[in-house]
Amino acid sequence: MTLQQLKDKFNHWRRNKKCKSEHIPQHLWQAVFALEAQGCSISHICQHLSLSGAQVAKQRPYYSINEPKQNTGFIDITPQMY
C-alpha cells in the first residue's frame, strides 16, 4: 500500500467514524507500521496522515511487523575464541 492510499483510507475512516473519540482501527495502524518497515520515515507518515508522534509511540508496542531485515553490508570480524 502506498502512503497516498493509506491517507485515503484514513480520510475515509475519519469522515465515517461513529463518534469523535473513536480509536483508529487496528488495520490502519498495521498499515502505518508496514509502511515504516518498508523504509518510509515515521515523521513523513505522521505528517501526511495527521498523526502525532505520541500517538505512534503509544501504538508501536502493539504492532510488530515481521519484515526481513535489510542487509547493511556489515561483516562481523570479531575473533572467535576456541
Protein backbone atom coordinates (compact mmCIF):
# COMPACT_ATOMS: atom_id res chain seq x y z
CA MET A 1 0.00 0.00 0.00
CA THR A 2 1.27 3.47 -0.82
CA LEU A 3 1.22 6.44 1.53
CA GLN A 4 -1.43 8.10 -0.62
CA GLN A 5 -3.66 5.01 -0.48
CA LEU A 6 -3.29 4.90 3.30
CA LYS A 7 -4.06 8.61 3.52
CA ASP A 8 -7.27 7.98 1.55
CA LYS A 9 -8.21 5.17 3.96
CA PHE A 10 -7.57 7.42 6.99
CA ASN A 11 -9.66 10.19 5.44
CA HIS A 12 -12.49 7.76 4.73
CA TRP A 13 -12.38 6.46 8.30
CA ARG A 14 -12.32 10.00 9.72
CA ARG A 15 -15.35 11.03 7.65
CA ASN A 16 -17.33 7.93 8.65
CA LYS A 17 -16.40 7.26 12.29
CA LYS A 18 -19.28 6.89 14.71
CA CYS A 19 -18.06 9.36 17.33
CA LYS A 20 -15.31 11.91 17.68
CA SER A 21 -13.40 9.83 20.26
CA GLU A 22 -13.39 6.61 18.23
CA HIS A 23 -9.94 4.98 18.20
CA ILE A 24 -8.03 4.47 14.98
CA PRO A 25 -8.75 0.91 13.77
CA GLN A 26 -6.10 -1.77 14.06
CA HIS A 27 -5.87 -2.34 10.31
CA LEU A 28 -4.89 1.30 9.80
CA TRP A 29 -2.20 1.11 12.48
CA GLN A 30 -0.87 -2.08 10.91
CA ALA A 31 -0.60 -0.28 7.59
CA VAL A 32 1.25 2.64 9.23
CA PHE A 33 3.90 0.34 10.68
CA ALA A 34 4.08 -1.72 7.48
CA LEU A 35 4.93 1.45 5.55
CA GLU A 36 7.58 2.29 8.11
CA ALA A 37 9.03 -1.22 7.77
CA GLN A 38 9.24 -0.66 4.00
CA GLY A 39 11.51 2.33 4.61
CA CYS A 40 9.16 5.30 4.82
CA SER A 41 10.12 7.57 7.72
CA ILE A 42 7.60 7.70 10.53
CA SER A 43 7.78 11.52 10.61
CA HIS A 44 6.83 11.64 6.92
CA ILE A 45 3.96 9.22 7.56
CA CYS A 46 2.74 11.24 10.56
CA GLN A 47 2.82 14.47 8.60
CA HIS A 48 0.75 13.06 5.72
CA LEU A 49 -1.74 11.21 7.94
CA SER A 50 -2.11 13.96 10.57
CA LEU A 51 -0.84 11.72 13.34
CA SER A 52 1.26 12.80 16.29
CA GLY A 53 4.46 11.18 17.41
CA ALA A 54 2.79 10.48 20.74
CA GLN A 55 0.01 8.52 19.03
CA VAL A 56 2.57 6.44 17.17
CA ALA A 57 4.69 5.85 20.26
CA LYS A 58 1.63 4.64 22.16
CA GLN A 59 0.71 2.14 19.44
CA ARG A 60 4.19 0.92 18.49
CA PRO A 61 4.43 -1.83 21.16
CA TYR A 62 1.26 -3.47 19.82
CA TYR A 63 2.33 -3.72 16.19
CA SER A 64 5.35 -5.75 15.23
CA ILE A 65 5.98 -6.15 11.53
CA ASN A 66 7.94 -9.29 10.73
CA GLU A 67 9.75 -7.97 7.70
CA PRO A 68 13.13 -9.39 6.77
CA LYS A 69 15.95 -7.12 7.86
CA GLN A 70 17.77 -5.42 5.04
CA ASN A 71 21.40 -6.38 4.54
CA THR A 72 23.52 -3.50 5.82
CA GLY A 73 26.74 -4.88 4.40
CA PHE A 74 28.14 -5.23 7.91
CA ILE A 75 30.50 -8.17 8.38
CA ASP A 76 31.35 -9.23 11.91
CA ILE A 77 35.10 -9.82 12.15
CA THR A 78 35.19 -10.48 15.89
CA PRO A 79 37.83 -13.16 16.52
CA GLN A 80 36.39 -16.45 17.75
CA MET A 81 37.81 -17.94 20.92
CA TYR A 82 38.24 -21.75 20.71
